[in-house]
Amino acid sequence: MSQPPHRVATRTITLKTFDGAETSAFVAEPEGPGPFPAVAFGAEAMGPNRFGQRTASELAALGYVTITPDYYRGRGPSRPDDYTDFTEVMAAIGELDFRAAAFDVLAGVDWARTQANVDATRVALWGYCTGATLTMLGASLDRGIAATVLFFPSQPTFEALTPKRPIHAIDLIWAIRSPVLMISGDQDAVLPPAVLDEIRRRFDQWGGRYESRLYPGAGHAFSADAPHMHNAEASAASWREATGYLRRHLGSE
């Protein structure tokens, strides 16, 4: 029998970053003393928006403390809920320091582990799109992550390595120790079959715990709040898969 949903409290906090700066983070947490498992989110390329806040709040209702750092540090797209024009989004991604942003997501993990209502041994990463690239990087850097959920990571490889993109996420798969669930659609031009096959090959090569779900007819960012992108069937099915994955690896309160 499923448990009734928790009441959820939300707030925005200021998060200290690895380089001594600060960024904001959206926190959604179930009411009660816990200890609860926790999830640090890597937001989609739009940055913190209504979709991300709703997703984090729905997960909190299932009994997870969630935190979503703003890895753009306030310099992301000015219209994060507008999926009709990606000019500004692509410019923000182009300027993004992926190294710093990955550490910002991990700052959310660090924050969660210090909270009295969180079981510090049960903290997961969950990301969408560019945020999934960051959680992929984060999972390779933190051996204590309990589970990682990747929704269609946009940059498993970069066009070129630069100081802001010092390594391909796919080249750090050998360092990921957490179980990983990869979710994507079979019409995703950003994450084509050859790339998915290479990701699986590398997990197999290094003995990683890896599962994948491929949804027919779904393109990139099929969970997005945009009629021209959203695939309702894939979105609902992937939510069930992802939340079930967390229950298996993190449990609940």
C-alpha atoms as a PDB file:
ATOM      1  CA  MET A   1       0.000   0.000   0.000  1.00  0.00           C
ATOM      2  CA  SER A   2       1.428   3.403  -0.977  1.00  0.00           C
ATOM      3  CA  GLN A   3       2.025   5.966   1.723  1.00  0.00           C
ATOM      4  CA  PRO A   4      -0.046   9.180   1.683  1.00  0.00           C
ATOM      5  CA  PRO A   5       1.901  12.179   0.372  1.00  0.00           C
ATOM      6  CA  HIS A   6       3.775  14.358   2.805  1.00  0.00           C
ATOM      7  CA  ARG A   7       2.926  17.989   3.260  1.00  0.00           C
ATOM      8  CA  VAL A   8       5.693  20.045   1.657  1.00  0.00           C
ATOM      9  CA  ALA A   9       7.427  23.236   2.754  1.00  0.00           C
ATOM     10  CA  THR A  10       9.466  25.250   0.229  1.00  0.00           C
ATOM     11  CA  ARG A  11      12.014  28.008   0.596  1.00  0.00           C
ATOM     12  CA  THR A  12      14.913  29.633  -1.226  1.00  0.00           C
ATOM     13  CA  ILE A  13      18.289  29.605   0.497  1.00  0.00           C
ATOM     14  CA  THR A  14      21.721  31.047  -0.173  1.00  0.00           C
ATOM     15  CA  LEU A  15      24.256  28.324  -0.871  1.00  0.00           C
ATOM     16  CA  LYS A  16      27.992  28.679  -0.410  1.00  0.00           C
ATOM     17  CA  THR A  17      29.958  27.530  -3.445  1.00  0.00           C
ATOM     18  CA  PHE A  18      33.345  25.826  -3.667  1.00  0.00           C
ATOM     19  CA  ASP A  19      35.093  29.003  -4.787  1.00  0.00           C
ATOM     20  CA  GLY A  20      33.846  31.189  -1.955  1.00  0.00           C
ATOM     21  CA  ALA A  21      30.959  32.712  -3.901  1.00  0.00           C
ATOM     22  CA  GLU A  22      27.223  32.208  -3.371  1.00  0.00           C
ATOM     23  CA  THR A  23      24.216  31.119  -5.360  1.00  0.00           C
ATOM     24  CA  SER A  24      20.552  30.622  -4.610  1.00  0.00           C
ATOM     25  CA  ALA A  25      18.926  27.225  -4.251  1.00  0.00           C
ATOM     26  CA  PHE A  26      15.299  26.103  -4.152  1.00  0.00           C
ATOM     27  CA  VAL A  27      14.558  23.731  -1.279  1.00  0.00           C
ATOM     28  CA  ALA A  28      11.446  21.556  -0.986  1.00  0.00           C
ATOM     29  CA  GLU A  29      11.169  19.263   2.009  1.00  0.00           C
ATOM     30  CA  PRO A  30       8.574  16.997   3.556  1.00  0.00           C
ATOM     31  CA  GLU A  31       7.196  18.098   6.875  1.00  0.00           C
ATOM     32  CA  GLY A  32       8.298  15.989   9.793  1.00  0.00           C
ATOM     33  CA  PRO A  33      11.501  15.212  11.660  1.00  0.00           C
ATOM     34  CA  GLY A  34      12.860  12.576   9.292  1.00  0.00           C
ATOM     35  CA  PRO A  35      15.489  11.505   8.781  1.00  0.00           C
ATOM     36  CA  PHE A  36      14.605  11.577   5.087  1.00  0.00           C
ATOM     37  CA  PRO A  37      16.638  10.654   2.028  1.00  0.00           C
ATOM     38  CA  ALA A  38      17.582  13.643  -0.113  1.00  0.00           C
ATOM     39  CA  VAL A  39      18.009  14.554  -3.771  1.00  0.00           C
ATOM     40  CA  ALA A  40      20.140  17.314  -5.280  1.00  0.00           C
ATOM     41  CA  PHE A  41      18.759  18.411  -8.652  1.00  0.00           C
ATOM     42  CA  GLY A  42      20.573  19.595 -11.728  1.00  0.00           C
ATOM     43  CA  ALA A  43      17.990  21.817 -13.405  1.00  0.00           C
ATOM     44  CA  GLU A  44      17.400  21.665 -17.129  1.00  0.00           C
ATOM     45  CA  ALA A  45      19.163  24.175 -19.390  1.00  0.00           C
ATOM     46  CA  MET A  46      16.359  26.689 -18.856  1.00  0.00           C
ATOM     47  CA  GLY A  47      17.655  27.094 -15.310  1.00  0.00           C
ATOM     48  CA  PRO A  48      15.457  27.160 -12.209  1.00  0.00           C
ATOM     49  CA  ASN A  49      11.855  27.400 -13.379  1.00  0.00           C
ATOM     50  CA  ARG A  50       8.301  26.268 -12.612  1.00  0.00           C
ATOM     51  CA  PHE A  51       8.895  22.792 -14.039  1.00  0.00           C
ATOM     52  CA  GLY A  52      11.918  22.252 -11.818  1.00  0.00           C
ATOM     53  CA  GLN A  53      10.210  23.594  -8.717  1.00  0.00           C
ATOM     54  CA  ARG A  54       7.140  21.448  -9.318  1.00  0.00           C
ATOM     55  CA  THR A  55       9.244  18.328  -9.872  1.00  0.00           C
ATOM     56  CA  ALA A  56      11.275  18.944  -6.717  1.00  0.00           C
ATOM     57  CA  SER A  57       8.103  19.587  -4.714  1.00  0.00           C
ATOM     58  CA  GLU A  58       6.430  16.426  -6.013  1.00  0.00           C
ATOM     59  CA  LEU A  59       9.474  14.423  -4.996  1.00  0.00           C
ATOM     60  CA  ALA A  60       9.406  16.064  -1.576  1.00  0.00           C
ATOM     61  CA  ALA A  61       5.801  14.928  -1.222  1.00  0.00           C
ATOM     62  CA  LEU A  62       7.088  11.383  -1.644  1.00  0.00           C
ATOM     63  CA  GLY A  63       9.414  11.841   1.318  1.00  0.00           C
ATOM     64  CA  TYR A  64      12.649  13.313  -0.075  1.00  0.00           C
ATOM     65  CA  VAL A  65      14.352  16.544   0.940  1.00  0.00           C
ATOM     66  CA  THR A  66      15.261  18.226  -2.354  1.00  0.00           C
ATOM     67  CA  ILE A  67      17.587  21.058  -3.244  1.00  0.00           C
ATOM     68  CA  THR A  68      18.038  22.673  -6.664  1.00  0.00           C
ATOM     69  CA  PRO A  69      21.052  24.999  -6.852  1.00  0.00           C
ATOM     70  CA  ASP A  70      21.079  27.734  -9.474  1.00  0.00           C
ATOM     71  CA  TYR A  71      24.239  26.693 -11.291  1.00  0.00           C
ATOM     72  CA  TYR A  72      23.934  29.780 -13.517  1.00  0.00           C
ATOM     73  CA  ARG A  73      24.426  31.888 -10.365  1.00  0.00           C
ATOM     74  CA  GLY A  74      21.730  34.331 -11.431  1.00  0.00           C
ATOM     75  CA  ARG A  75      23.045  34.679 -14.980  1.00  0.00           C
ATOM     76  CA  GLY A  76      20.767  32.160 -16.663  1.00  0.00           C
ATOM     77  CA  PRO A  77      17.992  32.736 -19.193  1.00  0.00           C
ATOM     78  CA  SER A  78      15.722  35.653 -18.293  1.00  0.00           C
ATOM     79  CA  ARG A  79      12.582  33.717 -19.324  1.00  0.00           C
ATOM     80  CA  PRO A  80      13.190  30.224 -17.916  1.00  0.00           C
ATOM     81  CA  ASP A  81       9.605  29.115 -18.545  1.00  0.00           C
ATOM     82  CA  ASP A  82       9.571  30.133 -22.218  1.00  0.00           C
ATOM     83  CA  TYR A  83      10.354  27.152 -24.456  1.00  0.00           C
ATOM     84  CA  THR A  84       9.563  28.935 -27.724  1.00  0.00           C
ATOM     85  CA  ASP A  85      12.908  30.672 -28.329  1.00  0.00           C
ATOM     86  CA  PHE A  86      16.164  28.984 -27.345  1.00  0.00           C
ATOM     87  CA  THR A  87      18.508  31.753 -28.477  1.00  0.00           C
ATOM     88  CA  GLU A  88      19.100  33.014 -24.950  1.00  0.00           C
ATOM     89  CA  VAL A  89      19.265  29.472 -23.550  1.00  0.00           C
ATOM     90  CA  MET A  90      21.959  28.437 -26.018  1.00  0.00           C
ATOM     91  CA  ALA A  91      23.932  31.581 -25.216  1.00  0.00           C
ATOM     92  CA  ALA A  92      23.718  30.805 -21.473  1.00  0.00           C
ATOM     93  CA  ILE A  93      24.921  27.241 -22.050  1.00  0.00           C
ATOM     94  CA  GLY A  94      27.743  28.581 -24.201  1.00  0.00           C
ATOM     95  CA  GLU A  95      28.920  30.797 -21.338  1.00  0.00           C
ATOM     96  CA  LEU A  96      28.413  28.205 -18.604  1.00  0.00           C
ATOM     97  CA  ASP A  97      31.443  27.051 -16.635  1.00  0.00           C
ATOM     98  CA  PHE A  98      30.622  23.350 -16.391  1.00  0.00           C
ATOM     99  CA  ARG A  99      33.348  22.744 -13.826  1.00  0.00           C
ATOM    100  CA  ALA A 100      31.979  25.382 -11.447  1.00  0.00           C
ATOM    101  CA  ALA A 101      28.377  24.354 -12.165  1.00  0.00           C
ATOM    102  CA  ALA A 102      29.071  20.706 -11.326  1.00  0.00           C
ATOM    103  CA  PHE A 103      30.565  21.803  -8.019  1.00  0.00           C
ATOM    104  CA  ASP A 104      27.493  23.985  -7.403  1.00  0.00           C
ATOM    105  CA  VAL A 105      25.257  20.928  -7.759  1.00  0.00           C
ATOM    106  CA  LEU A 106      27.550  19.077  -5.357  1.00  0.00           C
ATOM    107  CA  ALA A 107      27.262  22.020  -2.955  1.00  0.00           C
ATOM    108  CA  GLY A 108      23.606  21.029  -2.806  1.00  0.00           C
ATOM    109  CA  VAL A 109      24.674  17.501  -1.851  1.00  0.00           C
ATOM    110  CA  ASP A 110      26.961  18.889   0.847  1.00  0.00           C
ATOM    111  CA  TRP A 111      24.162  21.065   2.200  1.00  0.00           C
ATOM    112  CA  ALA A 112      21.757  18.120   2.338  1.00  0.00           C
ATOM    113  CA  ARG A 113      24.205  15.998   4.274  1.00  0.00           C
ATOM    114  CA  THR A 114      24.388  18.600   7.044  1.00  0.00           C
ATOM    115  CA  GLN A 115      20.638  18.858   7.614  1.00  0.00           C
ATOM    116  CA  ALA A 116      19.154  17.370  10.767  1.00  0.00           C
ATOM    117  CA  ASN A 117      16.177  15.967   8.836  1.00  0.00           C
ATOM    118  CA  VAL A 118      18.359  14.159   6.251  1.00  0.00           C
ATOM    119  CA  ASP A 119      20.020  10.746   6.402  1.00  0.00           C
ATOM    120  CA  ALA A 120      23.448  11.715   5.057  1.00  0.00           C
ATOM    121  CA  THR A 121      24.048   8.193   3.700  1.00  0.00           C
ATOM    122  CA  ARG A 122      21.014   8.426   1.405  1.00  0.00           C
ATOM    123  CA  VAL A 123      21.610  11.391  -0.897  1.00  0.00           C
ATOM    124  CA  ALA A 124      21.017  11.069  -4.643  1.00  0.00           C
ATOM    125  CA  LEU A 125      21.582  13.160  -7.762  1.00  0.00           C
ATOM    126  CA  TRP A 126      18.863  13.760 -10.367  1.00  0.00           C
ATOM    127  CA  GLY A 127      19.281  15.925 -13.457  1.00  0.00           C
ATOM    128  CA  TYR A 128      17.638  17.013 -16.694  1.00  0.00           C
ATOM    129  CA  CYS A 129      19.304  18.049 -19.932  1.00  0.00           C
ATOM    130  CA  THR A 130      22.350  20.222 -19.134  1.00  0.00           C
ATOM    131  CA  GLY A 131      21.651  19.538 -15.463  1.00  0.00           C
ATOM    132  CA  ALA A 132      21.969  15.827 -16.190  1.00  0.00           C
ATOM    133  CA  THR A 133      25.425  16.453 -17.626  1.00  0.00           C
ATOM    134  CA  LEU A 134      26.300  18.212 -14.365  1.00  0.00           C
ATOM    135  CA  THR A 135      24.909  15.387 -12.233  1.00  0.00           C
ATOM    136  CA  MET A 136      26.853  12.901 -14.366  1.00  0.00           C
ATOM    137  CA  LEU A 137      30.000  14.878 -13.614  1.00  0.00           C
ATOM    138  CA  GLY A 138      29.008  15.192  -9.968  1.00  0.00           C
ATOM    139  CA  ALA A 139      28.448  11.462  -9.576  1.00  0.00           C
ATOM    140  CA  SER A 140      31.986  10.858 -10.798  1.00  0.00           C
ATOM    141  CA  LEU A 141      33.401  13.273  -8.220  1.00  0.00           C
ATOM    142  CA  ASP A 142      31.493  12.154  -5.116  1.00  0.00           C
ATOM    143  CA  ARG A 143      31.858   8.491  -4.138  1.00  0.00           C
ATOM    144  CA  GLY A 144      29.145   8.819  -1.485  1.00  0.00           C
ATOM    145  CA  ILE A 145      26.243   9.397  -3.883  1.00  0.00           C
ATOM    146  CA  ALA A 146      23.573   6.764  -3.231  1.00  0.00           C
ATOM    147  CA  ALA A 147      21.922   6.842  -6.681  1.00  0.00           C
ATOM    148  CA  THR A 148      22.000   8.928  -9.865  1.00  0.00           C
ATOM    149  CA  VAL A 149      19.096   9.582 -12.240  1.00  0.00           C
ATOM    150  CA  LEU A 150      19.960  11.089 -15.627  1.00  0.00           C
ATOM    151  CA  PHE A 151      17.225  12.447 -17.868  1.00  0.00           C
ATOM    152  CA  PHE A 152      18.667  12.859 -21.376  1.00  0.00           C
ATOM    153  CA  PRO A 153      22.032  14.512 -20.590  1.00  0.00           C
ATOM    154  CA  SER A 154      22.766  17.064 -23.295  1.00  0.00           C
ATOM    155  CA  GLN A 155      26.556  17.111 -23.221  1.00  0.00           C
ATOM    156  CA  PRO A 156      28.041  13.646 -22.642  1.00  0.00           C
ATOM    157  CA  THR A 157      30.815  15.037 -24.827  1.00  0.00           C
ATOM    158  CA  PHE A 158      31.728  18.628 -25.664  1.00  0.00           C
ATOM    159  CA  GLU A 159      32.669  19.974 -29.071  1.00  0.00           C
ATOM    160  CA  ALA A 160      36.020  21.007 -27.584  1.00  0.00           C
ATOM    161  CA  LEU A 161      37.744  20.908 -24.219  1.00  0.00           C
ATOM    162  CA  THR A 162      38.345  24.316 -22.634  1.00  0.00           C
ATOM    163  CA  PRO A 163      38.937  25.639 -19.113  1.00  0.00           C
ATOM    164  CA  LYS A 164      35.150  25.781 -18.694  1.00  0.00           C
ATOM    165  CA  ARG A 165      34.784  22.255 -20.123  1.00  0.00           C
ATOM    166  CA  PRO A 166      37.908  20.488 -18.887  1.00  0.00           C
ATOM    167  CA  ILE A 167      36.781  16.893 -19.528  1.00  0.00           C
ATOM    168  CA  HIS A 168      34.024  14.981 -21.296  1.00  0.00           C
ATOM    169  CA  ALA A 169      31.471  13.582 -18.846  1.00  0.00           C
ATOM    170  CA  ILE A 170      31.599  10.260 -20.687  1.00  0.00           C
ATOM    171  CA  ASP A 171      35.327  10.008 -19.923  1.00  0.00           C
ATOM    172  CA  LEU A 172      34.638   9.977 -16.172  1.00  0.00           C
ATOM    173  CA  ILE A 173      32.194   7.077 -16.202  1.00  0.00           C
ATOM    174  CA  TRP A 174      34.915   4.851 -14.767  1.00  0.00           C
ATOM    175  CA  ALA A 175      34.793   6.924 -11.558  1.00  0.00           C
ATOM    176  CA  ILE A 176      31.035   6.706 -10.958  1.00  0.00           C
ATOM    177  CA  ARG A 177      30.332   4.386  -8.028  1.00  0.00           C
ATOM    178  CA  SER A 178      26.617   4.977  -7.539  1.00  0.00           C
ATOM    179  CA  PRO A 179      23.930   3.033  -9.394  1.00  0.00           C
ATOM    180  CA  VAL A 180      22.775   5.013 -12.434  1.00  0.00           C
ATOM    181  CA  LEU A 181      19.468   5.174 -14.281  1.00  0.00           C
ATOM    182  CA  MET A 182      19.593   6.727 -17.771  1.00  0.00           C
ATOM    183  CA  ILE A 183      16.304   7.944 -19.232  1.00  0.00           C
ATOM    184  CA  SER A 184      15.915   9.092 -22.845  1.00  0.00           C
ATOM    185  CA  GLY A 185      13.677   8.992 -25.903  1.00  0.00           C
ATOM    186  CA  ASP A 186      14.357   7.148 -29.132  1.00  0.00           C
ATOM    187  CA  GLN A 187      13.796  10.349 -31.130  1.00  0.00           C
ATOM    188  CA  ASP A 188      16.388  12.351 -29.183  1.00  0.00           C
ATOM    189  CA  ALA A 189      18.773  13.877 -31.720  1.00  0.00           C
ATOM    190  CA  VAL A 190      20.976  15.186 -28.897  1.00  0.00           C
ATOM    191  CA  LEU A 191      21.482  11.691 -27.469  1.00  0.00           C
ATOM    192  CA  PRO A 192      21.420   9.329 -30.481  1.00  0.00           C
ATOM    193  CA  PRO A 193      21.676   5.511 -30.256  1.00  0.00           C
ATOM    194  CA  ALA A 194      25.417   5.456 -30.954  1.00  0.00           C
ATOM    195  CA  VAL A 195      26.084   7.693 -27.948  1.00  0.00           C
ATOM    196  CA  LEU A 196      23.792   5.648 -25.691  1.00  0.00           C
ATOM    197  CA  ASP A 197      25.559   2.488 -26.828  1.00  0.00           C
ATOM    198  CA  GLU A 198      28.944   4.009 -25.999  1.00  0.00           C
ATOM    199  CA  ILE A 199      27.744   5.085 -22.555  1.00  0.00           C
ATOM    200  CA  ARG A 200      26.522   1.567 -21.835  1.00  0.00           C
ATOM    201  CA  ARG A 201      29.749   0.056 -23.163  1.00  0.00           C
ATOM    202  CA  ARG A 202      31.775   2.179 -20.780  1.00  0.00           C
ATOM    203  CA  PHE A 203      29.630   1.326 -17.777  1.00  0.00           C
ATOM    204  CA  ASP A 204      29.985  -2.350 -18.676  1.00  0.00           C
ATOM    205  CA  GLN A 205      33.736  -1.978 -19.157  1.00  0.00           C
ATOM    206  CA  TRP A 206      34.221  -0.465 -15.711  1.00  0.00           C
ATOM    207  CA  GLY A 207      31.708  -2.618 -13.867  1.00  0.00           C
ATOM    208  CA  GLY A 208      29.254   0.191 -13.273  1.00  0.00           C
ATOM    209  CA  ARG A 209      25.718  -0.398 -12.047  1.00  0.00           C
ATOM    210  CA  TYR A 210      23.736   0.994 -14.952  1.00  0.00           C
ATOM    211  CA  GLU A 211      20.150   0.728 -16.171  1.00  0.00           C
ATOM    212  CA  SER A 212      18.517   2.557 -19.051  1.00  0.00           C
ATOM    213  CA  ARG A 213      14.991   3.263 -20.227  1.00  0.00           C
ATOM    214  CA  LEU A 214      14.298   4.298 -23.812  1.00  0.00           C
ATOM    215  CA  TYR A 215      10.845   5.685 -24.618  1.00  0.00           C
ATOM    216  CA  PRO A 216       9.452   5.286 -28.149  1.00  0.00           C
ATOM    217  CA  GLY A 217       8.381   8.413 -29.951  1.00  0.00           C
ATOM    218  CA  ALA A 218       9.934  10.733 -27.345  1.00  0.00           C
ATOM    219  CA  GLY A 219      12.462  13.409 -28.251  1.00  0.00           C
ATOM    220  CA  HIS A 220      14.873  15.458 -26.197  1.00  0.00           C
ATOM    221  CA  ALA A 221      13.453  17.105 -23.060  1.00  0.00           C
ATOM    222  CA  PHE A 222      10.206  15.157 -23.380  1.00  0.00           C
ATOM    223  CA  SER A 223       9.249  16.086 -19.802  1.00  0.00           C
ATOM    224  CA  ALA A 224       9.346  19.826 -20.501  1.00  0.00           C
ATOM    225  CA  ASP A 225       6.329  22.086 -19.992  1.00  0.00           C
ATOM    226  CA  ALA A 226       6.058  22.789 -23.707  1.00  0.00           C
ATOM    227  CA  PRO A 227       3.416  21.255 -25.991  1.00  0.00           C
ATOM    228  CA  HIS A 228       5.824  20.948 -28.923  1.00  0.00           C
ATOM    229  CA  MET A 229       8.299  18.959 -26.793  1.00  0.00           C
ATOM    230  CA  HIS A 230       6.222  17.193 -24.164  1.00  0.00           C
ATOM    231  CA  ASN A 231       5.437  13.495 -24.518  1.00  0.00           C
ATOM    232  CA  ALA A 232       2.818  12.724 -21.884  1.00  0.00           C
ATOM    233  CA  GLU A 233       3.193   8.952 -22.005  1.00  0.00           C
ATOM    234  CA  ALA A 234       6.982   9.012 -21.736  1.00  0.00           C
ATOM    235  CA  SER A 235       6.878  11.701 -19.047  1.00  0.00           C
ATOM    236  CA  ALA A 236       4.480   9.727 -16.853  1.00  0.00           C
ATOM    237  CA  ALA A 237       6.266   6.411 -17.382  1.00  0.00           C
ATOM    238  CA  SER A 238       9.716   7.878 -16.720  1.00  0.00           C
ATOM    239  CA  TRP A 239       8.489   9.507 -13.499  1.00  0.00           C
ATOM    240  CA  ARG A 240       7.303   6.114 -12.278  1.00  0.00           C
ATOM    241  CA  GLU A 241      10.609   4.521 -13.252  1.00  0.00           C
ATOM    242  CA  ALA A 242      12.738   7.243 -11.674  1.00  0.00           C
ATOM    243  CA  THR A 243      10.831   7.420  -8.400  1.00  0.00           C
ATOM    244  CA  GLY A 244      10.775   3.632  -8.204  1.00  0.00           C
ATOM    245  CA  TYR A 245      14.530   3.625  -8.740  1.00  0.00           C
ATOM    246  CA  LEU A 246      14.999   5.996  -5.827  1.00  0.00           C
ATOM    247  CA  ARG A 247      12.811   3.862  -3.590  1.00  0.00           C
ATOM    248  CA  ARG A 248      14.902   0.798  -4.376  1.00  0.00           C
ATOM    249  CA  HIS A 249      18.214   2.495  -3.671  1.00  0.00           C
ATOM    250  CA  LEU A 250      17.341   5.084  -1.036  1.00  0.00           C
ATOM    251  CA  GLY A 251      14.171   3.762   0.539  1.00  0.00           C
ATOM    252  CA  SER A 252      11.953   6.283   2.298  1.00  0.00           C
ATOM    253  CA  GLU A 253      11.570   7.752   5.751  1.00  0.00           C
END
